[in-house]
């Protein structure tokens, strides 16, 4: 579960899906 979340957050950041506030 932790790895899936790590992959999700890293991908969303690299793709510009979320802003810094949305990342939080």
PDBML (XML) file of the C-alpha atoms, coordinates in Angstrom:
<?xml version="1.0" encoding="UTF-8" ?>
<PDBx:datablock datablockName="MODEL"
   xmlns:PDBx="http://pdbml.pdb.org/schema/pdbx-v50.xsd"
   xmlns:xsi="http://www.w3.org/2001/XMLSchema-instance"
   xsi:schemaLocation="http://pdbml.pdb.org/schema/pdbx-v50.xsd pdbx-v50.xsd">
   <PDBx:atom_siteCategory>
      <PDBx:atom_site id="1">
         <PDBx:B_iso_or_equiv>0.00</PDBx:B_iso_or_equiv>
         <PDBx:Cartn_x>0.000</PDBx:Cartn_x>
         <PDBx:Cartn_y>0.000</PDBx:Cartn_y>
         <PDBx:Cartn_z>0.000</PDBx:Cartn_z>
         <PDBx:auth_asym_id>A</PDBx:auth_asym_id>
         <PDBx:auth_atom_id>CA</PDBx:auth_atom_id>
         <PDBx:auth_comp_id>UNK</PDBx:auth_comp_id>
         <PDBx:auth_seq_id>1</PDBx:auth_seq_id>
         <PDBx:group_PDB>ATOM</PDBx:group_PDB>
         <PDBx:label_alt_id xsi:nil="true" />
         <PDBx:label_asym_id>A</PDBx:label_asym_id>
         <PDBx:label_atom_id>CA</PDBx:label_atom_id>
         <PDBx:label_comp_id>UNK</PDBx:label_comp_id>
         <PDBx:label_entity_id>1</PDBx:label_entity_id>
         <PDBx:label_seq_id>1</PDBx:label_seq_id>
         <PDBx:occupancy>1.00</PDBx:occupancy>
         <PDBx:pdbx_PDB_model_num>1</PDBx:pdbx_PDB_model_num>
         <PDBx:type_symbol>C</PDBx:type_symbol>
      </PDBx:atom_site>
      <PDBx:atom_site id="2">
         <PDBx:B_iso_or_equiv>0.00</PDBx:B_iso_or_equiv>
         <PDBx:Cartn_x>2.792</PDBx:Cartn_x>
         <PDBx:Cartn_y>2.441</PDBx:Cartn_y>
         <PDBx:Cartn_z>0.875</PDBx:Cartn_z>
         <PDBx:auth_asym_id>A</PDBx:auth_asym_id>
         <PDBx:auth_atom_id>CA</PDBx:auth_atom_id>
         <PDBx:auth_comp_id>UNK</PDBx:auth_comp_id>
         <PDBx:auth_seq_id>2</PDBx:auth_seq_id>
         <PDBx:group_PDB>ATOM</PDBx:group_PDB>
         <PDBx:label_alt_id xsi:nil="true" />
         <PDBx:label_asym_id>A</PDBx:label_asym_id>
         <PDBx:label_atom_id>CA</PDBx:label_atom_id>
         <PDBx:label_comp_id>UNK</PDBx:label_comp_id>
         <PDBx:label_entity_id>1</PDBx:label_entity_id>
         <PDBx:label_seq_id>2</PDBx:label_seq_id>
         <PDBx:occupancy>1.00</PDBx:occupancy>
         <PDBx:pdbx_PDB_model_num>1</PDBx:pdbx_PDB_model_num>
         <PDBx:type_symbol>C</PDBx:type_symbol>
      </PDBx:atom_site>
      <PDBx:atom_site id="3">
         <PDBx:B_iso_or_equiv>0.00</PDBx:B_iso_or_equiv>
         <PDBx:Cartn_x>4.576</PDBx:Cartn_x>
         <PDBx:Cartn_y>1.739</PDBx:Cartn_y>
         <PDBx:Cartn_z>-2.410</PDBx:Cartn_z>
         <PDBx:auth_asym_id>A</PDBx:auth_asym_id>
         <PDBx:auth_atom_id>CA</PDBx:auth_atom_id>
         <PDBx:auth_comp_id>UNK</PDBx:auth_comp_id>
         <PDBx:auth_seq_id>3</PDBx:auth_seq_id>
         <PDBx:group_PDB>ATOM</PDBx:group_PDB>
         <PDBx:label_alt_id xsi:nil="true" />
         <PDBx:label_asym_id>A</PDBx:label_asym_id>
         <PDBx:label_atom_id>CA</PDBx:label_atom_id>
         <PDBx:label_comp_id>UNK</PDBx:label_comp_id>
         <PDBx:label_entity_id>1</PDBx:label_entity_id>
         <PDBx:label_seq_id>3</PDBx:label_seq_id>
         <PDBx:occupancy>1.00</PDBx:occupancy>
         <PDBx:pdbx_PDB_model_num>1</PDBx:pdbx_PDB_model_num>
         <PDBx:type_symbol>C</PDBx:type_symbol>
      </PDBx:atom_site>
      <PDBx:atom_site id="4">
         <PDBx:B_iso_or_equiv>0.00</PDBx:B_iso_or_equiv>
         <PDBx:Cartn_x>1.389</PDBx:Cartn_x>
         <PDBx:Cartn_y>2.296</PDBx:Cartn_y>
         <PDBx:Cartn_z>-4.436</PDBx:Cartn_z>
         <PDBx:auth_asym_id>A</PDBx:auth_asym_id>
         <PDBx:auth_atom_id>CA</PDBx:auth_atom_id>
         <PDBx:auth_comp_id>UNK</PDBx:auth_comp_id>
         <PDBx:auth_seq_id>4</PDBx:auth_seq_id>
         <PDBx:group_PDB>ATOM</PDBx:group_PDB>
         <PDBx:label_alt_id xsi:nil="true" />
         <PDBx:label_asym_id>A</PDBx:label_asym_id>
         <PDBx:label_atom_id>CA</PDBx:label_atom_id>
         <PDBx:label_comp_id>UNK</PDBx:label_comp_id>
         <PDBx:label_entity_id>1</PDBx:label_entity_id>
         <PDBx:label_seq_id>4</PDBx:label_seq_id>
         <PDBx:occupancy>1.00</PDBx:occupancy>
         <PDBx:pdbx_PDB_model_num>1</PDBx:pdbx_PDB_model_num>
         <PDBx:type_symbol>C</PDBx:type_symbol>
      </PDBx:atom_site>
      <PDBx:atom_site id="5">
         <PDBx:B_iso_or_equiv>0.00</PDBx:B_iso_or_equiv>
         <PDBx:Cartn_x>0.937</PDBx:Cartn_x>
         <PDBx:Cartn_y>5.685</PDBx:Cartn_y>
         <PDBx:Cartn_z>-2.744</PDBx:Cartn_z>
         <PDBx:auth_asym_id>A</PDBx:auth_asym_id>
         <PDBx:auth_atom_id>CA</PDBx:auth_atom_id>
         <PDBx:auth_comp_id>UNK</PDBx:auth_comp_id>
         <PDBx:auth_seq_id>5</PDBx:auth_seq_id>
         <PDBx:group_PDB>ATOM</PDBx:group_PDB>
         <PDBx:label_alt_id xsi:nil="true" />
         <PDBx:label_asym_id>A</PDBx:label_asym_id>
         <PDBx:label_atom_id>CA</PDBx:label_atom_id>
         <PDBx:label_comp_id>UNK</PDBx:label_comp_id>
         <PDBx:label_entity_id>1</PDBx:label_entity_id>
         <PDBx:label_seq_id>5</PDBx:label_seq_id>
         <PDBx:occupancy>1.00</PDBx:occupancy>
         <PDBx:pdbx_PDB_model_num>1</PDBx:pdbx_PDB_model_num>
         <PDBx:type_symbol>C</PDBx:type_symbol>
      </PDBx:atom_site>
      <PDBx:atom_site id="6">
         <PDBx:B_iso_or_equiv>0.00</PDBx:B_iso_or_equiv>
         <PDBx:Cartn_x>4.582</PDBx:Cartn_x>
         <PDBx:Cartn_y>6.592</PDBx:Cartn_y>
         <PDBx:Cartn_z>-3.347</PDBx:Cartn_z>
         <PDBx:auth_asym_id>A</PDBx:auth_asym_id>
         <PDBx:auth_atom_id>CA</PDBx:auth_atom_id>
         <PDBx:auth_comp_id>UNK</PDBx:auth_comp_id>
         <PDBx:auth_seq_id>6</PDBx:auth_seq_id>
         <PDBx:group_PDB>ATOM</PDBx:group_PDB>
         <PDBx:label_alt_id xsi:nil="true" />
         <PDBx:label_asym_id>A</PDBx:label_asym_id>
         <PDBx:label_atom_id>CA</PDBx:label_atom_id>
         <PDBx:label_comp_id>UNK</PDBx:label_comp_id>
         <PDBx:label_entity_id>1</PDBx:label_entity_id>
         <PDBx:label_seq_id>6</PDBx:label_seq_id>
         <PDBx:occupancy>1.00</PDBx:occupancy>
         <PDBx:pdbx_PDB_model_num>1</PDBx:pdbx_PDB_model_num>
         <PDBx:type_symbol>C</PDBx:type_symbol>
      </PDBx:atom_site>
      <PDBx:atom_site id="7">
         <PDBx:B_iso_or_equiv>0.00</PDBx:B_iso_or_equiv>
         <PDBx:Cartn_x>4.232</PDBx:Cartn_x>
         <PDBx:Cartn_y>5.762</PDBx:Cartn_y>
         <PDBx:Cartn_z>-7.035</PDBx:Cartn_z>
         <PDBx:auth_asym_id>A</PDBx:auth_asym_id>
         <PDBx:auth_atom_id>CA</PDBx:auth_atom_id>
         <PDBx:auth_comp_id>UNK</PDBx:auth_comp_id>
         <PDBx:auth_seq_id>7</PDBx:auth_seq_id>
         <PDBx:group_PDB>ATOM</PDBx:group_PDB>
         <PDBx:label_alt_id xsi:nil="true" />
         <PDBx:label_asym_id>A</PDBx:label_asym_id>
         <PDBx:label_atom_id>CA</PDBx:label_atom_id>
         <PDBx:label_comp_id>UNK</PDBx:label_comp_id>
         <PDBx:label_entity_id>1</PDBx:label_entity_id>
         <PDBx:label_seq_id>7</PDBx:label_seq_id>
         <PDBx:occupancy>1.00</PDBx:occupancy>
         <PDBx:pdbx_PDB_model_num>1</PDBx:pdbx_PDB_model_num>
         <PDBx:type_symbol>C</PDBx:type_symbol>
      </PDBx:atom_site>
      <PDBx:atom_site id="8">
         <PDBx:B_iso_or_equiv>0.00</PDBx:B_iso_or_equiv>
         <PDBx:Cartn_x>0.999</PDBx:Cartn_x>
         <PDBx:Cartn_y>7.744</PDBx:Cartn_y>
         <PDBx:Cartn_z>-7.245</PDBx:Cartn_z>
         <PDBx:auth_asym_id>A</PDBx:auth_asym_id>
         <PDBx:auth_atom_id>CA</PDBx:auth_atom_id>
         <PDBx:auth_comp_id>UNK</PDBx:auth_comp_id>
         <PDBx:auth_seq_id>8</PDBx:auth_seq_id>
         <PDBx:group_PDB>ATOM</PDBx:group_PDB>
         <PDBx:label_alt_id xsi:nil="true" />
         <PDBx:label_asym_id>A</PDBx:label_asym_id>
         <PDBx:label_atom_id>CA</PDBx:label_atom_id>
         <PDBx:label_comp_id>UNK</PDBx:label_comp_id>
         <PDBx:label_entity_id>1</PDBx:label_entity_id>
         <PDBx:label_seq_id>8</PDBx:label_seq_id>
         <PDBx:occupancy>1.00</PDBx:occupancy>
         <PDBx:pdbx_PDB_model_num>1</PDBx:pdbx_PDB_model_num>
         <PDBx:type_symbol>C</PDBx:type_symbol>
      </PDBx:atom_site>
      <PDBx:atom_site id="9">
         <PDBx:B_iso_or_equiv>0.00</PDBx:B_iso_or_equiv>
         <PDBx:Cartn_x>2.379</PDBx:Cartn_x>
         <PDBx:Cartn_y>10.913</PDBx:Cartn_y>
         <PDBx:Cartn_z>-5.659</PDBx:Cartn_z>
         <PDBx:auth_asym_id>A</PDBx:auth_asym_id>
         <PDBx:auth_atom_id>CA</PDBx:auth_atom_id>
         <PDBx:auth_comp_id>UNK</PDBx:auth_comp_id>
         <PDBx:auth_seq_id>9</PDBx:auth_seq_id>
         <PDBx:group_PDB>ATOM</PDBx:group_PDB>
         <PDBx:label_alt_id xsi:nil="true" />
         <PDBx:label_asym_id>A</PDBx:label_asym_id>
         <PDBx:label_atom_id>CA</PDBx:label_atom_id>
         <PDBx:label_comp_id>UNK</PDBx:label_comp_id>
         <PDBx:label_entity_id>1</PDBx:label_entity_id>
         <PDBx:label_seq_id>9</PDBx:label_seq_id>
         <PDBx:occupancy>1.00</PDBx:occupancy>
         <PDBx:pdbx_PDB_model_num>1</PDBx:pdbx_PDB_model_num>
         <PDBx:type_symbol>C</PDBx:type_symbol>
      </PDBx:atom_site>
      <PDBx:atom_site id="10">
         <PDBx:B_iso_or_equiv>0.00</PDBx:B_iso_or_equiv>
         <PDBx:Cartn_x>5.630</PDBx:Cartn_x>
         <PDBx:Cartn_y>10.794</PDBx:Cartn_y>
         <PDBx:Cartn_z>-7.648</PDBx:Cartn_z>
         <PDBx:auth_asym_id>A</PDBx:auth_asym_id>
         <PDBx:auth_atom_id>CA</PDBx:auth_atom_id>
         <PDBx:auth_comp_id>UNK</PDBx:auth_comp_id>
         <PDBx:auth_seq_id>10</PDBx:auth_seq_id>
         <PDBx:group_PDB>ATOM</PDBx:group_PDB>
         <PDBx:label_alt_id xsi:nil="true" />
         <PDBx:label_asym_id>A</PDBx:label_asym_id>
         <PDBx:label_atom_id>CA</PDBx:label_atom_id>
         <PDBx:label_comp_id>UNK</PDBx:label_comp_id>
         <PDBx:label_entity_id>1</PDBx:label_entity_id>
         <PDBx:label_seq_id>10</PDBx:label_seq_id>
         <PDBx:occupancy>1.00</PDBx:occupancy>
         <PDBx:pdbx_PDB_model_num>1</PDBx:pdbx_PDB_model_num>
         <PDBx:type_symbol>C</PDBx:type_symbol>
      </PDBx:atom_site>
      <PDBx:atom_site id="11">
         <PDBx:B_iso_or_equiv>0.00</PDBx:B_iso_or_equiv>
         <PDBx:Cartn_x>3.773</PDBx:Cartn_x>
         <PDBx:Cartn_y>10.354</PDBx:Cartn_y>
         <PDBx:Cartn_z>-10.927</PDBx:Cartn_z>
         <PDBx:auth_asym_id>A</PDBx:auth_asym_id>
         <PDBx:auth_atom_id>CA</PDBx:auth_atom_id>
         <PDBx:auth_comp_id>UNK</PDBx:auth_comp_id>
         <PDBx:auth_seq_id>11</PDBx:auth_seq_id>
         <PDBx:group_PDB>ATOM</PDBx:group_PDB>
         <PDBx:label_alt_id xsi:nil="true" />
         <PDBx:label_asym_id>A</PDBx:label_asym_id>
         <PDBx:label_atom_id>CA</PDBx:label_atom_id>
         <PDBx:label_comp_id>UNK</PDBx:label_comp_id>
         <PDBx:label_entity_id>1</PDBx:label_entity_id>
         <PDBx:label_seq_id>11</PDBx:label_seq_id>
         <PDBx:occupancy>1.00</PDBx:occupancy>
         <PDBx:pdbx_PDB_model_num>1</PDBx:pdbx_PDB_model_num>
         <PDBx:type_symbol>C</PDBx:type_symbol>
      </PDBx:atom_site>
      <PDBx:atom_site id="12">
         <PDBx:B_iso_or_equiv>0.00</PDBx:B_iso_or_equiv>
         <PDBx:Cartn_x>1.275</PDBx:Cartn_x>
         <PDBx:Cartn_y>13.149</PDBx:Cartn_y>
         <PDBx:Cartn_z>-10.204</PDBx:Cartn_z>
         <PDBx:auth_asym_id>A</PDBx:auth_asym_id>
         <PDBx:auth_atom_id>CA</PDBx:auth_atom_id>
         <PDBx:auth_comp_id>UNK</PDBx:auth_comp_id>
         <PDBx:auth_seq_id>12</PDBx:auth_seq_id>
         <PDBx:group_PDB>ATOM</PDBx:group_PDB>
         <PDBx:label_alt_id xsi:nil="true" />
         <PDBx:label_asym_id>A</PDBx:label_asym_id>
         <PDBx:label_atom_id>CA</PDBx:label_atom_id>
         <PDBx:label_comp_id>UNK</PDBx:label_comp_id>
         <PDBx:label_entity_id>1</PDBx:label_entity_id>
         <PDBx:label_seq_id>12</PDBx:label_seq_id>
         <PDBx:occupancy>1.00</PDBx:occupancy>
         <PDBx:pdbx_PDB_model_num>1</PDBx:pdbx_PDB_model_num>
         <PDBx:type_symbol>C</PDBx:type_symbol>
      </PDBx:atom_site>
      <PDBx:atom_site id="13">
         <PDBx:B_iso_or_equiv>0.00</PDBx:B_iso_or_equiv>
         <PDBx:Cartn_x>4.140</PDBx:Cartn_x>
         <PDBx:Cartn_y>15.529</PDBx:Cartn_y>
         <PDBx:Cartn_z>-9.420</PDBx:Cartn_z>
         <PDBx:auth_asym_id>A</PDBx:auth_asym_id>
         <PDBx:auth_atom_id>CA</PDBx:auth_atom_id>
         <PDBx:auth_comp_id>UNK</PDBx:auth_comp_id>
         <PDBx:auth_seq_id>13</PDBx:auth_seq_id>
         <PDBx:group_PDB>ATOM</PDBx:group_PDB>
         <PDBx:label_alt_id xsi:nil="true" />
         <PDBx:label_asym_id>A</PDBx:label_asym_id>
         <PDBx:label_atom_id>CA</PDBx:label_atom_id>
         <PDBx:label_comp_id>UNK</PDBx:label_comp_id>
         <PDBx:label_entity_id>1</PDBx:label_entity_id>
         <PDBx:label_seq_id>13</PDBx:label_seq_id>
         <PDBx:occupancy>1.00</PDBx:occupancy>
         <PDBx:pdbx_PDB_model_num>1</PDBx:pdbx_PDB_model_num>
         <PDBx:type_symbol>C</PDBx:type_symbol>
      </PDBx:atom_site>
      <PDBx:atom_site id="14">
         <PDBx:B_iso_or_equiv>0.00</PDBx:B_iso_or_equiv>
         <PDBx:Cartn_x>6.165</PDBx:Cartn_x>
         <PDBx:Cartn_y>14.594</PDBx:Cartn_y>
         <PDBx:Cartn_z>-12.500</PDBx:Cartn_z>
         <PDBx:auth_asym_id>A</PDBx:auth_asym_id>
         <PDBx:auth_atom_id>CA</PDBx:auth_atom_id>
         <PDBx:auth_comp_id>UNK</PDBx:auth_comp_id>
         <PDBx:auth_seq_id>14</PDBx:auth_seq_id>
         <PDBx:group_PDB>ATOM</PDBx:group_PDB>
         <PDBx:label_alt_id xsi:nil="true" />
         <PDBx:label_asym_id>A</PDBx:label_asym_id>
         <PDBx:label_atom_id>CA</PDBx:label_atom_id>
         <PDBx:label_comp_id>UNK</PDBx:label_comp_id>
         <PDBx:label_entity_id>1</PDBx:label_entity_id>
         <PDBx:label_seq_id>14</PDBx:label_seq_id>
         <PDBx:occupancy>1.00</PDBx:occupancy>
         <PDBx:pdbx_PDB_model_num>1</PDBx:pdbx_PDB_model_num>
         <PDBx:type_symbol>C</PDBx:type_symbol>
      </PDBx:atom_site>
      <PDBx:atom_site id="15">
         <PDBx:B_iso_or_equiv>0.00</PDBx:B_iso_or_equiv>
         <PDBx:Cartn_x>3.090</PDBx:Cartn_x>
         <PDBx:Cartn_y>14.940</PDBx:Cartn_y>
         <PDBx:Cartn_z>-14.717</PDBx:Cartn_z>
         <PDBx:auth_asym_id>A</PDBx:auth_asym_id>
         <PDBx:auth_atom_id>CA</PDBx:auth_atom_id>
         <PDBx:auth_comp_id>UNK</PDBx:auth_comp_id>
         <PDBx:auth_seq_id>15</PDBx:auth_seq_id>
         <PDBx:group_PDB>ATOM</PDBx:group_PDB>
         <PDBx:label_alt_id xsi:nil="true" />
         <PDBx:label_asym_id>A</PDBx:label_asym_id>
         <PDBx:label_atom_id>CA</PDBx:label_atom_id>
         <PDBx:label_comp_id>UNK</PDBx:label_comp_id>
         <PDBx:label_entity_id>1</PDBx:label_entity_id>
         <PDBx:label_seq_id>15</PDBx:label_seq_id>
         <PDBx:occupancy>1.00</PDBx:occupancy>
         <PDBx:pdbx_PDB_model_num>1</PDBx:pdbx_PDB_model_num>
         <PDBx:type_symbol>C</PDBx:type_symbol>
      </PDBx:atom_site>
      <PDBx:atom_site id="16">
         <PDBx:B_iso_or_equiv>0.00</PDBx:B_iso_or_equiv>
         <PDBx:Cartn_x>2.003</PDBx:Cartn_x>
         <PDBx:Cartn_y>18.241</PDBx:Cartn_y>
         <PDBx:Cartn_z>-13.200</PDBx:Cartn_z>
         <PDBx:auth_asym_id>A</PDBx:auth_asym_id>
         <PDBx:auth_atom_id>CA</PDBx:auth_atom_id>
         <PDBx:auth_comp_id>UNK</PDBx:auth_comp_id>
         <PDBx:auth_seq_id>16</PDBx:auth_seq_id>
         <PDBx:group_PDB>ATOM</PDBx:group_PDB>
         <PDBx:label_alt_id xsi:nil="true" />
         <PDBx:label_asym_id>A</PDBx:label_asym_id>
         <PDBx:label_atom_id>CA</PDBx:label_atom_id>
         <PDBx:label_comp_id>UNK</PDBx:label_comp_id>
         <PDBx:label_entity_id>1</PDBx:label_entity_id>
         <PDBx:label_seq_id>16</PDBx:label_seq_id>
         <PDBx:occupancy>1.00</PDBx:occupancy>
         <PDBx:pdbx_PDB_model_num>1</PDBx:pdbx_PDB_model_num>
         <PDBx:type_symbol>C</PDBx:type_symbol>
      </PDBx:atom_site>
      <PDBx:atom_site id="17">
         <PDBx:B_iso_or_equiv>0.00</PDBx:B_iso_or_equiv>
         <PDBx:Cartn_x>-1.359</PDBx:Cartn_x>
         <PDBx:Cartn_y>16.789</PDBx:Cartn_y>
         <PDBx:Cartn_z>-12.225</PDBx:Cartn_z>
         <PDBx:auth_asym_id>A</PDBx:auth_asym_id>
         <PDBx:auth_atom_id>CA</PDBx:auth_atom_id>
         <PDBx:auth_comp_id>UNK</PDBx:auth_comp_id>
         <PDBx:auth_seq_id>17</PDBx:auth_seq_id>
         <PDBx:group_PDB>ATOM</PDBx:group_PDB>
         <PDBx:label_alt_id xsi:nil="true" />
         <PDBx:label_asym_id>A</PDBx:label_asym_id>
         <PDBx:label_atom_id>CA</PDBx:label_atom_id>
         <PDBx:label_comp_id>UNK</PDBx:label_comp_id>
         <PDBx:label_entity_id>1</PDBx:label_entity_id>
         <PDBx:label_seq_id>17</PDBx:label_seq_id>
         <PDBx:occupancy>1.00</PDBx:occupancy>
         <PDBx:pdbx_PDB_model_num>1</PDBx:pdbx_PDB_model_num>
         <PDBx:type_symbol>C</PDBx:type_symbol>
      </PDBx:atom_site>
      <PDBx:atom_site id="18">
         <PDBx:B_iso_or_equiv>0.00</PDBx:B_iso_or_equiv>
         <PDBx:Cartn_x>-1.312</PDBx:Cartn_x>
         <PDBx:Cartn_y>18.585</PDBx:Cartn_y>
         <PDBx:Cartn_z>-8.855</PDBx:Cartn_z>
         <PDBx:auth_asym_id>A</PDBx:auth_asym_id>
         <PDBx:auth_atom_id>CA</PDBx:auth_atom_id>
         <PDBx:auth_comp_id>UNK</PDBx:auth_comp_id>
         <PDBx:auth_seq_id>18</PDBx:auth_seq_id>
         <PDBx:group_PDB>ATOM</PDBx:group_PDB>
         <PDBx:label_alt_id xsi:nil="true" />
         <PDBx:label_asym_id>A</PDBx:label_asym_id>
         <PDBx:label_atom_id>CA</PDBx:label_atom_id>
         <PDBx:label_comp_id>UNK</PDBx:label_comp_id>
         <PDBx:label_entity_id>1</PDBx:label_entity_id>
         <PDBx:label_seq_id>18</PDBx:label_seq_id>
         <PDBx:occupancy>1.00</PDBx:occupancy>
         <PDBx:pdbx_PDB_model_num>1</PDBx:pdbx_PDB_model_num>
         <PDBx:type_symbol>C</PDBx:type_symbol>
      </PDBx:atom_site>
      <PDBx:atom_site id="19">
         <PDBx:B_iso_or_equiv>0.00</PDBx:B_iso_or_equiv>
         <PDBx:Cartn_x>0.012</PDBx:Cartn_x>
         <PDBx:Cartn_y>21.846</PDBx:Cartn_y>
         <PDBx:Cartn_z>-7.490</PDBx:Cartn_z>
         <PDBx:auth_asym_id>A</PDBx:auth_asym_id>
         <PDBx:auth_atom_id>CA</PDBx:auth_atom_id>
         <PDBx:auth_comp_id>UNK</PDBx:auth_comp_id>
         <PDBx:auth_seq_id>19</PDBx:auth_seq_id>
         <PDBx:group_PDB>ATOM</PDBx:group_PDB>
         <PDBx:label_alt_id xsi:nil="true" />
         <PDBx:label_asym_id>A</PDBx:label_asym_id>
         <PDBx:label_atom_id>CA</PDBx:label_atom_id>
         <PDBx:label_comp_id>UNK</PDBx:label_comp_id>
         <PDBx:label_entity_id>1</PDBx:label_entity_id>
         <PDBx:label_seq_id>19</PDBx:label_seq_id>
         <PDBx:occupancy>1.00</PDBx:occupancy>
         <PDBx:pdbx_PDB_model_num>1</PDBx:pdbx_PDB_model_num>
         <PDBx:type_symbol>C</PDBx:type_symbol>
      </PDBx:atom_site>
      <PDBx:atom_site id="20">
         <PDBx:B_iso_or_equiv>0.00</PDBx:B_iso_or_equiv>
         <PDBx:Cartn_x>2.083</PDBx:Cartn_x>
         <PDBx:Cartn_y>21.943</PDBx:Cartn_y>
         <PDBx:Cartn_z>-4.297</PDBx:Cartn_z>
         <PDBx:auth_asym_id>A</PDBx:auth_asym_id>
         <PDBx:auth_atom_id>CA</PDBx:auth_atom_id>
         <PDBx:auth_comp_id>UNK</PDBx:auth_comp_id>
         <PDBx:auth_seq_id>20</PDBx:auth_seq_id>
         <PDBx:group_PDB>ATOM</PDBx:group_PDB>
         <PDBx:label_alt_id xsi:nil="true" />
         <PDBx:label_asym_id>A</PDBx:label_asym_id>
         <PDBx:label_atom_id>CA</PDBx:label_atom_id>
         <PDBx:label_comp_id>UNK</PDBx:label_comp_id>
         <PDBx:label_entity_id>1</PDBx:label_entity_id>
         <PDBx:label_seq_id>20</PDBx:label_seq_id>
         <PDBx:occupancy>1.00</PDBx:occupancy>
         <PDBx:pdbx_PDB_model_num>1</PDBx:pdbx_PDB_model_num>
         <PDBx:type_symbol>C</PDBx:type_symbol>
      </PDBx:atom_site>
      <PDBx:atom_site id="21">
         <PDBx:B_iso_or_equiv>0.00</PDBx:B_iso_or_equiv>
         <PDBx:Cartn_x>-1.061</PDBx:Cartn_x>
         <PDBx:Cartn_y>22.597</PDBx:Cartn_y>
         <PDBx:Cartn_z>-2.246</PDBx:Cartn_z>
         <PDBx:auth_asym_id>A</PDBx:auth_asym_id>
         <PDBx:auth_atom_id>CA</PDBx:auth_atom_id>
         <PDBx:auth_comp_id>UNK</PDBx:auth_comp_id>
         <PDBx:auth_seq_id>21</PDBx:auth_seq_id>
         <PDBx:group_PDB>ATOM</PDBx:group_PDB>
         <PDBx:label_alt_id xsi:nil="true" />
         <PDBx:label_asym_id>A</PDBx:label_asym_id>
         <PDBx:label_atom_id>CA</PDBx:label_atom_id>
         <PDBx:label_comp_id>UNK</PDBx:label_comp_id>
         <PDBx:label_entity_id>1</PDBx:label_entity_id>
         <PDBx:label_seq_id>21</PDBx:label_seq_id>
         <PDBx:occupancy>1.00</PDBx:occupancy>
         <PDBx:pdbx_PDB_model_num>1</PDBx:pdbx_PDB_model_num>
         <PDBx:type_symbol>C</PDBx:type_symbol>
      </PDBx:atom_site>
      <PDBx:atom_site id="22">
         <PDBx:B_iso_or_equiv>0.00</PDBx:B_iso_or_equiv>
         <PDBx:Cartn_x>-2.969</PDBx:Cartn_x>
         <PDBx:Cartn_y>19.828</PDBx:Cartn_y>
         <PDBx:Cartn_z>-4.007</PDBx:Cartn_z>
         <PDBx:auth_asym_id>A</PDBx:auth_asym_id>
         <PDBx:auth_atom_id>CA</PDBx:auth_atom_id>
         <PDBx:auth_comp_id>UNK</PDBx:auth_comp_id>
         <PDBx:auth_seq_id>22</PDBx:auth_seq_id>
         <PDBx:group_PDB>ATOM</PDBx:group_PDB>
         <PDBx:label_alt_id xsi:nil="true" />
         <PDBx:label_asym_id>A</PDBx:label_asym_id>
         <PDBx:label_atom_id>CA</PDBx:label_atom_id>
         <PDBx:label_comp_id>UNK</PDBx:label_comp_id>
         <PDBx:label_entity_id>1</PDBx:label_entity_id>
         <PDBx:label_seq_id>22</PDBx:label_seq_id>
         <PDBx:occupancy>1.00</PDBx:occupancy>
         <PDBx:pdbx_PDB_model_num>1</PDBx:pdbx_PDB_model_num>
         <PDBx:type_symbol>C</PDBx:type_symbol>
      </PDBx:atom_site>
      <PDBx:atom_site id="23">
         <PDBx:B_iso_or_equiv>0.00</PDBx:B_iso_or_equiv>
         <PDBx:Cartn_x>-0.022</PDBx:Cartn_x>
         <PDBx:Cartn_y>17.470</PDBx:Cartn_y>
         <PDBx:Cartn_z>-3.488</PDBx:Cartn_z>
         <PDBx:auth_asym_id>A</PDBx:auth_asym_id>
         <PDBx:auth_atom_id>CA</PDBx:auth_atom_id>
         <PDBx:auth_comp_id>UNK</PDBx:auth_comp_id>
         <PDBx:auth_seq_id>23</PDBx:auth_seq_id>
         <PDBx:group_PDB>ATOM</PDBx:group_PDB>
         <PDBx:label_alt_id xsi:nil="true" />
         <PDBx:label_asym_id>A</PDBx:label_asym_id>
         <PDBx:label_atom_id>CA</PDBx:label_atom_id>
         <PDBx:label_comp_id>UNK</PDBx:label_comp_id>
         <PDBx:label_entity_id>1</PDBx:label_entity_id>
         <PDBx:label_seq_id>23</PDBx:label_seq_id>
         <PDBx:occupancy>1.00</PDBx:occupancy>
         <PDBx:pdbx_PDB_model_num>1</PDBx:pdbx_PDB_model_num>
         <PDBx:type_symbol>C</PDBx:type_symbol>
      </PDBx:atom_site>
      <PDBx:atom_site id="24">
         <PDBx:B_iso_or_equiv>0.00</PDBx:B_iso_or_equiv>
         <PDBx:Cartn_x>-0.288</PDBx:Cartn_x>
         <PDBx:Cartn_y>18.056</PDBx:Cartn_y>
         <PDBx:Cartn_z>0.261</PDBx:Cartn_z>
         <PDBx:auth_asym_id>A</PDBx:auth_asym_id>
         <PDBx:auth_atom_id>CA</PDBx:auth_atom_id>
         <PDBx:auth_comp_id>UNK</PDBx:auth_comp_id>
         <PDBx:auth_seq_id>24</PDBx:auth_seq_id>
         <PDBx:group_PDB>ATOM</PDBx:group_PDB>
         <PDBx:label_alt_id xsi:nil="true" />
         <PDBx:label_asym_id>A</PDBx:label_asym_id>
         <PDBx:label_atom_id>CA</PDBx:label_atom_id>
         <PDBx:label_comp_id>UNK</PDBx:label_comp_id>
         <PDBx:label_entity_id>1</PDBx:label_entity_id>
         <PDBx:label_seq_id>24</PDBx:label_seq_id>
         <PDBx:occupancy>1.00</PDBx:occupancy>
         <PDBx:pdbx_PDB_model_num>1</PDBx:pdbx_PDB_model_num>
         <PDBx:type_symbol>C</PDBx:type_symbol>
      </PDBx:atom_site>
   </PDBx:atom_siteCategory>
</PDBx:datablock>
